Protein backbone atom coordinates (compact mmCIF):
# COMPACT_ATOMS: atom_id res chain seq x y z
CA UNK A 1 0.00 0.00 0.00
CA UNK A 2 1.30 3.44 -0.84
CA UNK A 3 1.65 6.08 1.80
CA UNK A 4 -1.31 8.42 2.13
CA UNK A 5 -3.74 6.06 0.43
CA UNK A 6 -6.66 4.46 2.19
CA UNK A 7 -6.64 0.68 2.31
CA UNK A 8 -8.87 -0.80 -0.36
CA UNK A 9 -8.64 2.19 -2.68
CA UNK A 10 -8.96 1.26 -6.34
CA UNK A 11 -5.72 2.87 -7.48
CA UNK A 12 -3.41 0.11 -6.24
CA UNK A 13 -0.98 -1.25 -8.80
CA UNK A 14 -1.68 -4.71 -10.26
CA UNK A 15 -0.11 -7.35 -8.08
CA UNK A 16 0.22 -5.01 -5.12
CA UNK A 17 -2.84 -6.44 -3.39
CA UNK A 18 -1.41 -9.95 -3.73
CA UNK A 19 1.87 -8.80 -2.18
CA UNK A 20 -0.02 -7.24 0.72
CA UNK A 21 -2.03 -10.43 1.26
CA UNK A 22 1.12 -12.58 1.09
CA UNK A 23 2.91 -10.25 3.49
CA UNK A 24 0.00 -10.42 5.91
CA UNK A 25 0.04 -14.24 5.82
CA UNK A 26 3.81 -14.38 6.36
CA UNK A 27 3.66 -11.81 9.13
CA UNK A 28 0.91 -13.80 10.82
CA UNK A 29 2.94 -17.00 10.66
CA UNK A 30 6.32 -15.57 11.54
CA UNK A 31 5.32 -12.82 13.95
CA UNK A 32 8.75 -11.37 13.37
CA UNK A 33 9.81 -8.14 11.79
CA UNK A 34 6.79 -7.81 9.49
CA UNK A 35 4.47 -8.04 12.49
CA UNK A 36 6.47 -5.42 14.34
CA UNK A 37 6.36 -3.10 11.33
CA UNK A 38 2.60 -3.44 11.19
CA UNK A 39 2.31 -2.71 14.92
CA UNK A 40 4.57 0.32 14.54
CA UNK A 41 2.53 1.51 11.57
CA UNK A 42 -0.69 1.07 13.53
CA UNK A 43 0.79 3.00 16.46
CA UNK A 44 1.88 5.74 14.07
CA UNK A 45 -1.61 5.93 12.60
CA UNK A 46 -3.12 6.15 16.09
CA UNK A 47 -0.67 8.88 17.07
CA UNK A 48 -1.33 10.73 13.82
CA UNK A 49 -5.08 10.46 14.35
CA UNK A 50 -4.63 11.76 17.90
CA UNK A 51 -4.68 15.43 18.81
CA UNK A 52 -8.22 15.66 17.48
CA UNK A 53 -7.38 14.27 14.04
CA UNK A 54 -4.65 16.76 13.23
CA UNK A 55 -3.32 14.72 10.31
CA UNK A 56 -6.74 14.48 8.67
CA UNK A 57 -7.36 18.19 9.16
CA UNK A 58 -3.96 19.01 7.67
CA UNK A 59 -4.60 16.82 4.64
CA UNK A 60 -8.03 18.41 4.19
CA UNK A 61 -6.50 21.89 4.34
CA UNK A 62 -3.91 20.96 1.72
CA UNK A 63 -6.51 19.61 -0.67
CA UNK A 64 -9.16 22.31 -0.36
CA UNK A 65 -9.53 25.08 -2.89
CA UNK A 66 -11.14 28.50 -2.72
CA UNK A 67 -14.22 27.14 -0.96
CA UNK A 68 -12.20 26.92 2.28
CA UNK A 69 -10.94 30.50 2.08
CA UNK A 70 -13.83 32.19 3.90
CA UNK A 71 -13.97 29.76 6.86
CA UNK A 72 -10.21 29.90 7.26
CA UNK A 73 -10.27 33.70 7.09
CA UNK A 74 -12.93 33.76 9.82
CA UNK A 75 -10.79 31.45 11.94
CA UNK A 76 -7.68 33.60 11.46
CA UNK A 77 -9.58 36.82 12.24
CA UNK A 78 -11.03 35.34 15.41
CA UNK A 79 -7.58 34.09 16.44
CA UNK A 80 -6.00 37.49 15.76
CA UNK A 81 -8.71 39.37 17.61
CA UNK A 82 -8.43 37.15 20.68
CA UNK A 83 -4.64 37.62 20.62
CA UNK A 84 -5.15 41.39 20.40
CA UNK A 85 -7.70 41.32 23.22
CA UNK A 86 -5.16 39.50 25.37
CA UNK A 87 -3.01 42.63 25.24
CA UNK A 88 -5.95 44.99 25.85
CA UNK A 89 -5.07 45.63 29.54
CA UNK A 90 -1.50 46.56 28.62
CA UNK A 91 -2.73 48.86 25.86
CA UNK A 92 -5.25 50.53 28.16
CA UNK A 93 -2.64 51.09 30.90
CA UNK A 94 -0.18 52.63 28.42
CA UNK A 95 -2.75 54.94 26.81
CA UNK A 96 -4.12 56.06 30.17
CA UNK A 97 -0.59 56.72 31.50
CA UNK A 98 0.23 59.00 28.57
CA UNK A 99 -3.17 60.71 28.87
CA UNK A 100 -2.55 61.44 32.57
CA UNK A 101 0.94 62.78 31.82
CA UNK A 102 -0.44 65.00 29.04
CA UNK A 103 -3.17 66.38 31.32
CA UNK A 104 -0.65 67.03 34.12
CA UNK A 105 2.15 68.60 32.06
CA UNK A 106 0.01 70.16 29.34
CA UNK A 107 1.21 70.84 25.81
CA UNK A 108 4.85 71.02 26.96
CA UNK A 109 4.80 67.22 27.48
CA UNK A 110 4.36 66.55 23.76
CA UNK A 111 5.78 69.13 21.39
CA UNK A 112 6.52 69.26 17.70
CA UNK A 113 9.55 71.60 17.86
CA UNK A 114 7.63 74.36 16.08
CA UNK A 115 8.79 77.01 18.57
CA UNK A 116 12.49 76.47 17.96
CA UNK A 117 13.42 77.69 14.48
CA UNK A 118 16.07 75.61 12.79
CA UNK A 119 17.87 76.88 9.72
CA UNK A 120 19.23 74.47 7.14
CA UNK A 121 23.00 74.02 7.02
CA UNK A 122 24.91 76.27 4.62
CA UNK A 123 25.49 74.97 1.10
CA UNK A 124 29.07 74.03 0.30
CA UNK A 125 30.05 73.48 -3.31
CA UNK A 126 31.58 69.99 -3.65
CA UNK A 127 33.98 71.15 -6.37
CA UNK A 128 35.51 73.66 -3.98
CA UNK A 129 36.17 70.82 -1.55
CA UNK A 130 37.83 68.75 -4.28
CA UNK A 131 40.09 71.65 -5.28
CA UNK A 132 41.38 72.04 -1.74
CA UNK A 133 45.18 71.76 -1.57
CA UNK A 134 45.08 69.48 1.45
CA UNK A 135 43.58 66.71 -0.71
CA UNK A 136 46.25 66.80 -3.43
CA UNK A 137 49.25 67.12 -1.12
CA UNK A 138 50.72 63.79 0.12
CA UNK A 139 50.64 63.25 3.84
CA UNK A 140 53.89 63.32 5.73
CA UNK A 141 52.75 60.38 7.87
CA UNK A 142 52.50 58.00 4.91
CA UNK A 143 56.16 58.02 3.79
C-alpha atoms as a PDB file:
ATOM      1  CA  UNK A   1       0.000   0.000   0.000  1.00  0.00           C
ATOM      2  CA  UNK A   2       1.297   3.437  -0.839  1.00  0.00           C
ATOM      3  CA  UNK A   3       1.652   6.084   1.801  1.00  0.00           C
ATOM      4  CA  UNK A   4      -1.310   8.418   2.125  1.00  0.00           C
ATOM      5  CA  UNK A   5      -3.744   6.064   0.430  1.00  0.00           C
ATOM      6  CA  UNK A   6      -6.657   4.461   2.190  1.00  0.00           C
ATOM      7  CA  UNK A   7      -6.639   0.678   2.310  1.00  0.00           C
ATOM      8  CA  UNK A   8      -8.867  -0.804  -0.363  1.00  0.00           C
ATOM      9  CA  UNK A   9      -8.637   2.185  -2.685  1.00  0.00           C
ATOM     10  CA  UNK A  10      -8.964   1.257  -6.341  1.00  0.00           C
ATOM     11  CA  UNK A  11      -5.721   2.874  -7.481  1.00  0.00           C
ATOM     12  CA  UNK A  12      -3.414   0.105  -6.245  1.00  0.00           C
ATOM     13  CA  UNK A  13      -0.980  -1.251  -8.804  1.00  0.00           C
ATOM     14  CA  UNK A  14      -1.677  -4.712 -10.261  1.00  0.00           C
ATOM     15  CA  UNK A  15      -0.108  -7.346  -8.080  1.00  0.00           C
ATOM     16  CA  UNK A  16       0.218  -5.012  -5.121  1.00  0.00           C
ATOM     17  CA  UNK A  17      -2.837  -6.441  -3.387  1.00  0.00           C
ATOM     18  CA  UNK A  18      -1.408  -9.946  -3.734  1.00  0.00           C
ATOM     19  CA  UNK A  19       1.865  -8.800  -2.180  1.00  0.00           C
ATOM     20  CA  UNK A  20      -0.018  -7.245   0.725  1.00  0.00           C
ATOM     21  CA  UNK A  21      -2.027 -10.432   1.256  1.00  0.00           C
ATOM     22  CA  UNK A  22       1.116 -12.581   1.094  1.00  0.00           C
ATOM     23  CA  UNK A  23       2.911 -10.250   3.492  1.00  0.00           C
ATOM     24  CA  UNK A  24      -0.005 -10.423   5.914  1.00  0.00           C
ATOM     25  CA  UNK A  25       0.042 -14.236   5.824  1.00  0.00           C
ATOM     26  CA  UNK A  26       3.809 -14.377   6.355  1.00  0.00           C
ATOM     27  CA  UNK A  27       3.656 -11.811   9.132  1.00  0.00           C
ATOM     28  CA  UNK A  28       0.910 -13.804  10.820  1.00  0.00           C
ATOM     29  CA  UNK A  29       2.944 -17.000  10.663  1.00  0.00           C
ATOM     30  CA  UNK A  30       6.317 -15.572  11.538  1.00  0.00           C
ATOM     31  CA  UNK A  31       5.315 -12.821  13.948  1.00  0.00           C
ATOM     32  CA  UNK A  32       8.749 -11.373  13.371  1.00  0.00           C
ATOM     33  CA  UNK A  33       9.810  -8.140  11.786  1.00  0.00           C
ATOM     34  CA  UNK A  34       6.789  -7.810   9.493  1.00  0.00           C
ATOM     35  CA  UNK A  35       4.467  -8.035  12.491  1.00  0.00           C
ATOM     36  CA  UNK A  36       6.472  -5.416  14.337  1.00  0.00           C
ATOM     37  CA  UNK A  37       6.362  -3.105  11.327  1.00  0.00           C
ATOM     38  CA  UNK A  38       2.595  -3.440  11.189  1.00  0.00           C
ATOM     39  CA  UNK A  39       2.305  -2.711  14.915  1.00  0.00           C
ATOM     40  CA  UNK A  40       4.573   0.317  14.542  1.00  0.00           C
ATOM     41  CA  UNK A  41       2.535   1.512  11.567  1.00  0.00           C
ATOM     42  CA  UNK A  42      -0.687   1.074  13.534  1.00  0.00           C
ATOM     43  CA  UNK A  43       0.788   3.001  16.462  1.00  0.00           C
ATOM     44  CA  UNK A  44       1.885   5.741  14.069  1.00  0.00           C
ATOM     45  CA  UNK A  45      -1.612   5.927  12.603  1.00  0.00           C
ATOM     46  CA  UNK A  46      -3.122   6.145  16.090  1.00  0.00           C
ATOM     47  CA  UNK A  47      -0.666   8.884  17.070  1.00  0.00           C
ATOM     48  CA  UNK A  48      -1.333  10.733  13.817  1.00  0.00           C
ATOM     49  CA  UNK A  49      -5.082  10.459  14.352  1.00  0.00           C
ATOM     50  CA  UNK A  50      -4.625  11.764  17.896  1.00  0.00           C
ATOM     51  CA  UNK A  51      -4.680  15.427  18.805  1.00  0.00           C
ATOM     52  CA  UNK A  52      -8.222  15.663  17.483  1.00  0.00           C
ATOM     53  CA  UNK A  53      -7.384  14.267  14.036  1.00  0.00           C
ATOM     54  CA  UNK A  54      -4.646  16.759  13.233  1.00  0.00           C
ATOM     55  CA  UNK A  55      -3.325  14.721  10.308  1.00  0.00           C
ATOM     56  CA  UNK A  56      -6.738  14.481   8.673  1.00  0.00           C
ATOM     57  CA  UNK A  57      -7.359  18.187   9.155  1.00  0.00           C
ATOM     58  CA  UNK A  58      -3.963  19.006   7.674  1.00  0.00           C
ATOM     59  CA  UNK A  59      -4.603  16.817   4.641  1.00  0.00           C
ATOM     60  CA  UNK A  60      -8.032  18.409   4.188  1.00  0.00           C
ATOM     61  CA  UNK A  61      -6.496  21.895   4.342  1.00  0.00           C
ATOM     62  CA  UNK A  62      -3.915  20.963   1.717  1.00  0.00           C
ATOM     63  CA  UNK A  63      -6.513  19.606  -0.666  1.00  0.00           C
ATOM     64  CA  UNK A  64      -9.164  22.306  -0.364  1.00  0.00           C
ATOM     65  CA  UNK A  65      -9.526  25.080  -2.886  1.00  0.00           C
ATOM     66  CA  UNK A  66     -11.141  28.501  -2.717  1.00  0.00           C
ATOM     67  CA  UNK A  67     -14.216  27.137  -0.955  1.00  0.00           C
ATOM     68  CA  UNK A  68     -12.198  26.922   2.278  1.00  0.00           C
ATOM     69  CA  UNK A  69     -10.939  30.496   2.076  1.00  0.00           C
ATOM     70  CA  UNK A  70     -13.827  32.187   3.903  1.00  0.00           C
ATOM     71  CA  UNK A  71     -13.974  29.758   6.861  1.00  0.00           C
ATOM     72  CA  UNK A  72     -10.208  29.898   7.260  1.00  0.00           C
ATOM     73  CA  UNK A  73     -10.272  33.705   7.091  1.00  0.00           C
ATOM     74  CA  UNK A  74     -12.929  33.758   9.817  1.00  0.00           C
ATOM     75  CA  UNK A  75     -10.793  31.453  11.937  1.00  0.00           C
ATOM     76  CA  UNK A  76      -7.684  33.597  11.459  1.00  0.00           C
ATOM     77  CA  UNK A  77      -9.579  36.815  12.241  1.00  0.00           C
ATOM     78  CA  UNK A  78     -11.030  35.336  15.413  1.00  0.00           C
ATOM     79  CA  UNK A  79      -7.580  34.091  16.435  1.00  0.00           C
ATOM     80  CA  UNK A  80      -6.003  37.489  15.755  1.00  0.00           C
ATOM     81  CA  UNK A  81      -8.714  39.374  17.609  1.00  0.00           C
ATOM     82  CA  UNK A  82      -8.425  37.148  20.677  1.00  0.00           C
ATOM     83  CA  UNK A  83      -4.645  37.615  20.622  1.00  0.00           C
ATOM     84  CA  UNK A  84      -5.152  41.386  20.402  1.00  0.00           C
ATOM     85  CA  UNK A  85      -7.704  41.324  23.222  1.00  0.00           C
ATOM     86  CA  UNK A  86      -5.161  39.496  25.366  1.00  0.00           C
ATOM     87  CA  UNK A  87      -3.010  42.628  25.245  1.00  0.00           C
ATOM     88  CA  UNK A  88      -5.952  44.993  25.850  1.00  0.00           C
ATOM     89  CA  UNK A  89      -5.071  45.626  29.537  1.00  0.00           C
ATOM     90  CA  UNK A  90      -1.500  46.559  28.625  1.00  0.00           C
ATOM     91  CA  UNK A  91      -2.726  48.861  25.858  1.00  0.00           C
ATOM     92  CA  UNK A  92      -5.249  50.534  28.164  1.00  0.00           C
ATOM     93  CA  UNK A  93      -2.638  51.093  30.897  1.00  0.00           C
ATOM     94  CA  UNK A  94      -0.181  52.631  28.415  1.00  0.00           C
ATOM     95  CA  UNK A  95      -2.747  54.944  26.813  1.00  0.00           C
ATOM     96  CA  UNK A  96      -4.120  56.056  30.175  1.00  0.00           C
ATOM     97  CA  UNK A  97      -0.590  56.722  31.502  1.00  0.00           C
ATOM     98  CA  UNK A  98       0.227  59.001  28.570  1.00  0.00           C
ATOM     99  CA  UNK A  99      -3.167  60.713  28.874  1.00  0.00           C
ATOM    100  CA  UNK A 100      -2.551  61.445  32.574  1.00  0.00           C
ATOM    101  CA  UNK A 101       0.935  62.783  31.820  1.00  0.00           C
ATOM    102  CA  UNK A 102      -0.443  65.004  29.042  1.00  0.00           C
ATOM    103  CA  UNK A 103      -3.167  66.383  31.317  1.00  0.00           C
ATOM    104  CA  UNK A 104      -0.645  67.025  34.118  1.00  0.00           C
ATOM    105  CA  UNK A 105       2.153  68.598  32.056  1.00  0.00           C
ATOM    106  CA  UNK A 106       0.008  70.162  29.339  1.00  0.00           C
ATOM    107  CA  UNK A 107       1.211  70.837  25.811  1.00  0.00           C
ATOM    108  CA  UNK A 108       4.847  71.020  26.964  1.00  0.00           C
ATOM    109  CA  UNK A 109       4.799  67.222  27.476  1.00  0.00           C
ATOM    110  CA  UNK A 110       4.359  66.551  23.764  1.00  0.00           C
ATOM    111  CA  UNK A 111       5.781  69.132  21.388  1.00  0.00           C
ATOM    112  CA  UNK A 112       6.519  69.264  17.698  1.00  0.00           C
ATOM    113  CA  UNK A 113       9.548  71.601  17.858  1.00  0.00           C
ATOM    114  CA  UNK A 114       7.634  74.355  16.081  1.00  0.00           C
ATOM    115  CA  UNK A 115       8.793  77.005  18.565  1.00  0.00           C
ATOM    116  CA  UNK A 116      12.493  76.472  17.961  1.00  0.00           C
ATOM    117  CA  UNK A 117      13.421  77.688  14.480  1.00  0.00           C
ATOM    118  CA  UNK A 118      16.069  75.614  12.789  1.00  0.00           C
ATOM    119  CA  UNK A 119      17.873  76.884   9.723  1.00  0.00           C
ATOM    120  CA  UNK A 120      19.227  74.466   7.141  1.00  0.00           C
ATOM    121  CA  UNK A 121      22.996  74.021   7.024  1.00  0.00           C
ATOM    122  CA  UNK A 122      24.909  76.272   4.617  1.00  0.00           C
ATOM    123  CA  UNK A 123      25.493  74.974   1.097  1.00  0.00           C
ATOM    124  CA  UNK A 124      29.068  74.034   0.298  1.00  0.00           C
ATOM    125  CA  UNK A 125      30.047  73.476  -3.310  1.00  0.00           C
ATOM    126  CA  UNK A 126      31.583  69.988  -3.646  1.00  0.00           C
ATOM    127  CA  UNK A 127      33.976  71.151  -6.371  1.00  0.00           C
ATOM    128  CA  UNK A 128      35.509  73.660  -3.975  1.00  0.00           C
ATOM    129  CA  UNK A 129      36.167  70.824  -1.548  1.00  0.00           C
ATOM    130  CA  UNK A 130      37.831  68.753  -4.282  1.00  0.00           C
ATOM    131  CA  UNK A 131      40.093  71.647  -5.276  1.00  0.00           C
ATOM    132  CA  UNK A 132      41.376  72.035  -1.743  1.00  0.00           C
ATOM    133  CA  UNK A 133      45.180  71.760  -1.565  1.00  0.00           C
ATOM    134  CA  UNK A 134      45.076  69.479   1.454  1.00  0.00           C
ATOM    135  CA  UNK A 135      43.577  66.713  -0.710  1.00  0.00           C
ATOM    136  CA  UNK A 136      46.252  66.805  -3.435  1.00  0.00           C
ATOM    137  CA  UNK A 137      49.247  67.118  -1.119  1.00  0.00           C
ATOM    138  CA  UNK A 138      50.719  63.787   0.123  1.00  0.00           C
ATOM    139  CA  UNK A 139      50.636  63.246   3.835  1.00  0.00           C
ATOM    140  CA  UNK A 140      53.895  63.325   5.735  1.00  0.00           C
ATOM    141  CA  UNK A 141      52.754  60.383   7.867  1.00  0.00           C
ATOM    142  CA  UNK A 142      52.498  57.995   4.906  1.00  0.00           C
ATOM    143  CA  UNK A 143      56.157  58.021   3.790  1.00  0.00           C
END
